[in-house]
C-alpha atoms as a PDB file:
ATOM      1  CA  MET A   1      94.366  98.701 101.828  1.00  0.00           C
ATOM      2  CA  SER A   2      96.446  98.760 104.968  1.00  0.00           C
ATOM      3  CA  CYS A   3     100.093  99.117 104.721  1.00  0.00           C
ATOM      4  CA  VAL A   4     103.492  99.174 106.804  1.00  0.00           C
ATOM      5  CA  VAL A   5     105.692 102.144 106.098  1.00  0.00           C
ATOM      6  CA  LEU A   6     109.702 102.094 106.047  1.00  0.00           C
ATOM      7  CA  LEU A   7     110.493 105.226 107.995  1.00  0.00           C
ATOM      8  CA  SER A   8     113.793 106.583 108.212  1.00  0.00           C
ATOM      9  CA  GLY A   9     113.037 110.007 109.197  1.00  0.00           C
ATOM     10  CA  GLY A  10     113.890 111.443 105.794  1.00  0.00           C
ATOM     11  CA  LEU A  11     111.968 113.430 103.258  1.00  0.00           C
ATOM     12  CA  ASP A  12     111.031 110.528 100.948  1.00  0.00           C
ATOM     13  CA  SER A  13     109.801 107.886 103.600  1.00  0.00           C
ATOM     14  CA  ALA A  14     108.050 110.686 105.429  1.00  0.00           C
ATOM     15  CA  ALA A  15     106.405 111.967 102.383  1.00  0.00           C
ATOM     16  CA  ASN A  16     105.039 108.153 102.010  1.00  0.00           C
ATOM     17  CA  LEU A  17     103.918 107.993 105.366  1.00  0.00           C
ATOM     18  CA  ALA A  18     102.084 111.396 105.142  1.00  0.00           C
ATOM     19  CA  PHE A  19     100.170 110.201 101.861  1.00  0.00           C
ATOM     20  CA  SER A  20      99.027 106.934 103.475  1.00  0.00           C
ATOM     21  CA  ALA A  21      98.750 107.729 107.271  1.00  0.00           C
ATOM     22  CA  SER A  22      95.100 106.789 107.239  1.00  0.00           C
ATOM     23  CA  THR A  23      95.741 103.385 106.206  1.00  0.00           C
ATOM     24  CA  CYS A  24      99.237 102.980 107.817  1.00  0.00           C
ATOM     25  CA  VAL A  25      99.463 100.182 110.665  1.00  0.00           C
ATOM     26  CA  LEU A  26     102.876 100.321 111.669  1.00  0.00           C
ATOM     27  CA  ALA A  27     105.793 102.484 110.649  1.00  0.00           C
ATOM     28  CA  LEU A  28     109.254 100.735 111.032  1.00  0.00           C
ATOM     29  CA  THR A  29     112.330 102.391 111.707  1.00  0.00           C
ATOM     30  CA  ALA A  30     115.863 100.584 111.284  1.00  0.00           C
ATOM     31  CA  ASP A  31     118.942 100.951 113.622  1.00  0.00           C
ATOM     32  CA  TYR A  32     121.588  99.089 111.278  1.00  0.00           C
ATOM     33  CA  GLY A  33     124.290 100.823 113.047  1.00  0.00           C
ATOM     34  CA  GLN A  34     124.550 104.036 110.918  1.00  0.00           C
ATOM     35  CA  LYS A  35     126.009 107.083 112.472  1.00  0.00           C
ATOM     36  CA  ALA A  36     122.798 108.857 112.053  1.00  0.00           C
ATOM     37  CA  ALA A  37     120.767 106.311 114.023  1.00  0.00           C
ATOM     38  CA  HIS A  38     119.789 108.196 117.175  1.00  0.00           C
ATOM     39  CA  SER A  39     118.886 111.219 115.068  1.00  0.00           C
ATOM     40  CA  GLU A  40     116.654 109.038 112.553  1.00  0.00           C
ATOM     41  CA  ILE A  41     115.037 107.427 115.056  1.00  0.00           C
ATOM     42  CA  ARG A  42     114.101 110.724 116.956  1.00  0.00           C
ATOM     43  CA  ALA A  43     112.695 112.138 113.673  1.00  0.00           C
ATOM     44  CA  ALA A  44     111.011 109.120 113.030  1.00  0.00           C
ATOM     45  CA  GLN A  45     109.305 108.848 116.266  1.00  0.00           C
ATOM     46  CA  ALA A  46     108.067 112.504 115.994  1.00  0.00           C
ATOM     47  CA  LEU A  47     106.839 112.076 112.558  1.00  0.00           C
ATOM     48  CA  SER A  48     104.942 108.638 113.626  1.00  0.00           C
ATOM     49  CA  LYS A  49     103.407 110.631 116.617  1.00  0.00           C
ATOM     50  CA  HIS A  50     102.540 113.545 114.440  1.00  0.00           C
ATOM     51  CA  PHE A  51     100.583 111.273 112.005  1.00  0.00           C
ATOM     52  CA  GLY A  52      99.213 109.064 114.959  1.00  0.00           C
ATOM     53  CA  VAL A  53     100.876 106.088 113.717  1.00  0.00           C
ATOM     54  CA  LYS A  54     102.618 103.256 115.927  1.00  0.00           C
ATOM     55  CA  ASN A  55     106.510 103.356 115.228  1.00  0.00           C
ATOM     56  CA  LEU A  56     108.728 100.472 116.014  1.00  0.00           C
ATOM     57  CA  VAL A  57     112.518 100.368 116.017  1.00  0.00           C
ATOM     58  CA  LEU A  58     114.392  97.403 114.393  1.00  0.00           C
ATOM     59  CA  ASP A  59     117.656  96.269 115.852  1.00  0.00           C
ATOM     60  CA  LEU A  60     119.605  95.385 112.632  1.00  0.00           C
ATOM     61  CA  ARG A  61     122.909  96.666 114.013  1.00  0.00           C
ATOM     62  CA  TRP A  62     124.658  93.291 112.644  1.00  0.00           C
ATOM     63  CA  LEU A  63     123.920  94.817 109.223  1.00  0.00           C
ATOM     64  CA  GLY A  64     126.279  97.662 109.899  1.00  0.00           C
ATOM     65  CA  ALA A  65     128.599  95.492 111.596  1.00  0.00           C
ATOM     66  CA  LEU A  66     129.492  93.825 108.163  1.00  0.00           C
ATOM     67  CA  GLY A  67     131.389  97.071 107.256  1.00  0.00           C
ATOM     68  CA  GLY A  68     132.212  98.745 103.927  1.00  0.00           C
ATOM     69  CA  SER A  69     130.267 102.082 104.343  1.00  0.00           C
ATOM     70  CA  SER A  70     131.085 105.307 105.631  1.00  0.00           C
ATOM     71  CA  LEU A  71     127.801 105.566 106.902  1.00  0.00           C
ATOM     72  CA  THR A  72     128.460 102.787 109.618  1.00  0.00           C
ATOM     73  CA  GLN A  73     132.386 102.483 109.786  1.00  0.00           C
ATOM     74  CA  ALA A  74     134.084 104.673 112.662  1.00  0.00           C
ATOM     75  CA  GLY A  75     136.549 106.803 111.216  1.00  0.00           C
ATOM     76  CA  ALA A  76     135.623 106.444 107.717  1.00  0.00           C
ATOM     77  CA  ALA A  77     134.537 110.032 106.377  1.00  0.00           C
ATOM     78  CA  VAL A  78     131.135 110.589 104.931  1.00  0.00           C
ATOM     79  CA  PRO A  79     131.608 112.309 101.631  1.00  0.00           C
ATOM     80  CA  GLN A  80     130.469 115.842 100.952  1.00  0.00           C
ATOM     81  CA  VAL A  81     128.976 116.801  97.714  1.00  0.00           C
ATOM     82  CA  ALA A  82     128.769 120.384  96.431  1.00  0.00           C
ATOM     83  CA  LYS A  83     125.396 121.633  95.574  1.00  0.00           C
ATOM     84  CA  ALA A  84     126.735 122.312  92.006  1.00  0.00           C
ATOM     85  CA  ASP A  85     127.668 118.640  91.813  1.00  0.00           C
ATOM     86  CA  LEU A  86     124.256 117.027  92.653  1.00  0.00           C
ATOM     87  CA  ASP A  87     123.564 116.327  89.118  1.00  0.00           C
ATOM     88  CA  ASN A  88     127.121 115.256  88.204  1.00  0.00           C
ATOM     89  CA  LYS A  89     126.660 111.447  87.906  1.00  0.00           C
ATOM     90  CA  SER A  90     130.493 110.881  88.115  1.00  0.00           C
ATOM     91  CA  VAL A  91     130.614 112.580  91.509  1.00  0.00           C
ATOM     92  CA  THR A  92     127.477 111.234  92.932  1.00  0.00           C
ATOM     93  CA  GLU A  93     128.303 107.823  91.773  1.00  0.00           C
ATOM     94  CA  LYS A  94     131.727 107.948  93.814  1.00  0.00           C
ATOM     95  CA  SER A  95     129.599 109.323  96.887  1.00  0.00           C
ATOM     96  CA  ALA A  96     127.192 106.547  96.460  1.00  0.00           C
ATOM     97  CA  ASP A  97     129.890 104.028  96.378  1.00  0.00           C
ATOM     98  CA  ARG A  98     131.204 105.240  99.749  1.00  0.00           C
ATOM     99  CA  VAL A  99     127.911 105.256 101.560  1.00  0.00           C
ATOM    100  CA  TRP A 100     126.512 101.861 100.210  1.00  0.00           C
ATOM    101  CA  VAL A 101     125.587  99.287 102.819  1.00  0.00           C
ATOM    102  CA  PRO A 102     125.607  95.708 101.597  1.00  0.00           C
ATOM    103  CA  ASN A 103     121.959  94.873 100.570  1.00  0.00           C
ATOM    104  CA  ARG A 104     120.465  97.439 102.976  1.00  0.00           C
ATOM    105  CA  ASN A 105     117.147  97.999 101.315  1.00  0.00           C
ATOM    106  CA  GLY A 106     116.904  94.189 100.392  1.00  0.00           C
ATOM    107  CA  VAL A 107     117.053  93.446 103.834  1.00  0.00           C
ATOM    108  CA  LEU A 108     114.932  96.226 105.184  1.00  0.00           C
ATOM    109  CA  ILE A 109     111.960  95.598 102.775  1.00  0.00           C
ATOM    110  CA  ASN A 110     111.837  91.994 103.467  1.00  0.00           C
ATOM    111  CA  VAL A 111     111.877  92.490 106.952  1.00  0.00           C
ATOM    112  CA  ALA A 112     108.887  94.870 106.395  1.00  0.00           C
ATOM    113  CA  ALA A 113     107.220  92.380 104.311  1.00  0.00           C
ATOM    114  CA  ALA A 114     107.289  89.933 107.040  1.00  0.00           C
ATOM    115  CA  TYR A 115     105.790  92.537 109.633  1.00  0.00           C
ATOM    116  CA  ALA A 116     102.988  93.269 106.985  1.00  0.00           C
ATOM    117  CA  GLU A 117     102.277  89.881 106.181  1.00  0.00           C
ATOM    118  CA  SER A 118     101.814  89.157 110.062  1.00  0.00           C
ATOM    119  CA  LEU A 119      99.638  92.234 110.600  1.00  0.00           C
ATOM    120  CA  GLY A 120      97.484  91.455 107.441  1.00  0.00           C
ATOM    121  CA  ALA A 121      98.692  94.671 105.614  1.00  0.00           C
ATOM    122  CA  SER A 122      98.842  94.315 101.798  1.00  0.00           C
ATOM    123  CA  GLU A 123     101.547  96.823 101.179  1.00  0.00           C
ATOM    124  CA  VAL A 124     105.038  97.990 102.159  1.00  0.00           C
ATOM    125  CA  LEU A 125     105.555 101.555 101.398  1.00  0.00           C
ATOM    126  CA  VAL A 126     109.033 102.752 100.761  1.00  0.00           C
ATOM    127  CA  GLY A 127     110.714 106.053 100.085  1.00  0.00           C
ATOM    128  CA  PHE A 128     112.115 105.978  96.570  1.00  0.00           C
ATOM    129  CA  ASN A 129     112.628 108.900  94.218  1.00  0.00           C
ATOM    130  CA  ARG A 130     113.598 109.351  90.652  1.00  0.00           C
ATOM    131  CA  GLU A 131     116.644 111.579  91.584  1.00  0.00           C
ATOM    132  CA  GLU A 132     118.447 109.087  93.667  1.00  0.00           C
ATOM    133  CA  ALA A 133     117.591 105.990  91.562  1.00  0.00           C
ATOM    134  CA  GLN A 134     120.253 107.383  89.328  1.00  0.00           C
ATOM    135  CA  THR A 135     122.940 106.264  91.417  1.00  0.00           C
ATOM    136  CA  PHE A 136     121.165 103.866  93.970  1.00  0.00           C
ATOM    137  CA  PRO A 137     119.420 101.229  92.027  1.00  0.00           C
ATOM    138  CA  ASP A 138     117.653  99.980  95.016  1.00  0.00           C
ATOM    139  CA  ASN A 139     115.606 103.351  94.750  1.00  0.00           C
ATOM    140  CA  SER A 140     114.143 102.395  91.472  1.00  0.00           C
ATOM    141  CA  ALA A 141     110.878 101.192  90.270  1.00  0.00           C
ATOM    142  CA  ALA A 142     112.584  98.389  88.579  1.00  0.00           C
ATOM    143  CA  PHE A 143     113.759  97.285  92.094  1.00  0.00           C
ATOM    144  CA  MET A 144     110.466  97.285  93.319  1.00  0.00           C
ATOM    145  CA  GLU A 145     109.210  95.290  90.222  1.00  0.00           C
ATOM    146  CA  GLN A 146     111.639  92.578  90.928  1.00  0.00           C
ATOM    147  CA  LEU A 147     110.530  92.512  94.614  1.00  0.00           C
ATOM    148  CA  ASN A 148     107.012  92.112  94.077  1.00  0.00           C
ATOM    149  CA  GLN A 149     107.825  89.289  91.985  1.00  0.00           C
ATOM    150  CA  GLY A 150     109.668  87.669  94.855  1.00  0.00           C
ATOM    151  CA  PHE A 151     106.810  88.391  97.296  1.00  0.00           C
ATOM    152  CA  GLU A 152     104.460  86.366  95.073  1.00  0.00           C
ATOM    153  CA  TYR A 153     106.464  83.343  96.295  1.00  0.00           C
ATOM    154  CA  SER A 154     107.526  84.327  99.877  1.00  0.00           C
ATOM    155  CA  THR A 155     104.462  85.822 101.276  1.00  0.00           C
ATOM    156  CA  ARG A 156     101.167  84.014 101.482  1.00  0.00           C
ATOM    157  CA  GLY A 157      99.266  87.265 101.636  1.00  0.00           C
ATOM    158  CA  LYS A 158     101.004  88.543  98.454  1.00  0.00           C
ATOM    159  CA  VAL A 159     102.438  91.715  99.952  1.00  0.00           C
ATOM    160  CA  ARG A 160     103.502  94.402  97.499  1.00  0.00           C
ATOM    161  CA  VAL A 161     106.009  97.068  97.697  1.00  0.00           C
ATOM    162  CA  SER A 162     104.503 100.484  96.678  1.00  0.00           C
ATOM    163  CA  CYS A 163     105.895 104.107  96.708  1.00  0.00           C
ATOM    164  CA  HIS A 164     103.862 107.340  96.208  1.00  0.00           C
ATOM    165  CA  THR A 165     107.218 109.100  95.064  1.00  0.00           C
ATOM    166  CA  VAL A 166     109.283 106.541  92.859  1.00  0.00           C
ATOM    167  CA  GLU A 167     108.667 108.781  89.848  1.00  0.00           C
ATOM    168  CA  LEU A 168     109.342 112.109  91.552  1.00  0.00           C
ATOM    169  CA  ASP A 169     112.513 114.053  92.199  1.00  0.00           C
ATOM    170  CA  LYS A 170     112.969 115.572  95.711  1.00  0.00           C
ATOM    171  CA  ARG A 171     111.700 119.164  94.402  1.00  0.00           C
ATOM    172  CA  GLU A 172     108.724 117.565  93.027  1.00  0.00           C
ATOM    173  CA  ILE A 173     108.163 115.496  96.511  1.00  0.00           C
ATOM    174  CA  VAL A 174     108.259 118.922  98.368  1.00  0.00           C
ATOM    175  CA  ALA A 175     106.043 120.367  96.174  1.00  0.00           C
ATOM    176  CA  LYS A 176     103.445 117.604  96.169  1.00  0.00           C
ATOM    177  CA  LEU A 177     103.577 117.766  99.936  1.00  0.00           C
ATOM    178  CA  ARG A 178     103.004 121.371  99.990  1.00  0.00           C
ATOM    179  CA  ARG A 179      99.887 121.111  97.688  1.00  0.00           C
ATOM    180  CA  GLU A 180      98.102 118.096  99.249  1.00  0.00           C
ATOM    181  CA  VAL A 181      99.576 117.956 102.974  1.00  0.00           C
ATOM    182  CA  PRO A 182      99.790 121.713 103.576  1.00  0.00           C
ATOM    183  CA  SER A 183     100.526 120.982 107.437  1.00  0.00           C
ATOM    184  CA  PHE A 184     103.312 118.843 106.742  1.00  0.00           C
ATOM    185  CA  PRO A 185     106.147 119.081 109.463  1.00  0.00           C
ATOM    186  CA  PHE A 186     109.234 119.639 107.528  1.00  0.00           C
ATOM    187  CA  GLU A 187     111.125 120.806 110.670  1.00  0.00           C
ATOM    188  CA  LEU A 188     110.711 117.291 111.901  1.00  0.00           C
ATOM    189  CA  LEU A 189     112.833 115.685 108.988  1.00  0.00           C
ATOM    190  CA  TRP A 190     116.449 114.276 109.441  1.00  0.00           C
ATOM    191  CA  SER A 191     118.193 113.687 106.176  1.00  0.00           C
ATOM    192  CA  CYS A 192     121.683 114.069 107.311  1.00  0.00           C
ATOM    193  CA  TYR A 193     123.998 111.070 106.937  1.00  0.00           C
ATOM    194  CA  LEU A 194     125.540 112.105 110.485  1.00  0.00           C
ATOM    195  CA  GLY A 195     123.731 112.521 113.851  1.00  0.00           C
ATOM    196  CA  GLY A 196     123.775 115.229 116.100  1.00  0.00           C
ATOM    197  CA  GLU A 197     121.372 117.899 117.181  1.00  0.00           C
ATOM    198  CA  THR A 198     121.609 119.685 113.920  1.00  0.00           C
ATOM    199  CA  ALA A 199     122.379 118.449 110.184  1.00  0.00           C
ATOM    200  CA  CYS A 200     125.932 118.823 109.005  1.00  0.00           C
ATOM    201  CA  GLY A 201     124.576 120.561 105.728  1.00  0.00           C
ATOM    202  CA  GLN A 202     127.533 119.352 103.656  1.00  0.00           C
ATOM    203  CA  CYS A 203     126.802 115.679 102.876  1.00  0.00           C
ATOM    204  CA  GLU A 204     124.933 114.844  99.635  1.00  0.00           C
ATOM    205  CA  SER A 205     121.759 113.981 101.469  1.00  0.00           C
ATOM    206  CA  CYS A 206     121.676 117.407 103.183  1.00  0.00           C
ATOM    207  CA  GLN A 207     122.418 119.140 100.036  1.00  0.00           C
ATOM    208  CA  ARG A 208     119.296 117.459  98.200  1.00  0.00           C
ATOM    209  CA  LEU A 209     117.156 118.321 100.980  1.00  0.00           C
ATOM    210  CA  ALA A 210     118.201 121.817 100.865  1.00  0.00           C
ATOM    211  CA  ARG A 211     117.877 122.240  97.178  1.00  0.00           C
ATOM    212  CA  ALA A 212     114.358 120.738  97.360  1.00  0.00           C
ATOM    213  CA  LEU A 213     113.134 123.122 100.088  1.00  0.00           C
ATOM    214  CA  VAL A 214     113.918 126.011  98.301  1.00  0.00           C
ATOM    215  CA  SER A 215     112.508 125.271  95.066  1.00  0.00           C
END
């Protein structure tokens, strides 16, 4: 079965690319007006090149222009979460509220499904994980199930959403990569909510990746 991978350049989506590179016909990366867009695109293109997969950048900046998220709004500070609070749901729920982009994953996955159908691919691979599904319901297996029910009607090829990591936390994802893809280029990842040459190291996404890598 061939697939299209939604690739942000972060750990979870990159892991799904690594586990399915041999069947991937296209890696899609979205510019939705996020502050980290340039850095994410740079990482996604490097990862795609590493795995020998074509990469396409989608211009979805209208999505960020809707506002409401510190990931896209100039002047809105991206929340910082201490490592000690990564499993504190009351803290991470507040962080999630501040970085939430209206229906982002719903939009991205539906766009990817259209590309998959047009290319004759049967799957859209997404980078979900059990850890962040606690505060981001659009990272969950339940969300995938609902999308697949919808795609039974909206895609003639019956495209399905799949994920190799949806039942894993980030530490387990790193362990699986080290075990199954020993040459995985961790140095190419970009998980920071902010852009630049180096990651901020303070946002929740940076903290989760750092914790996973040292486990």
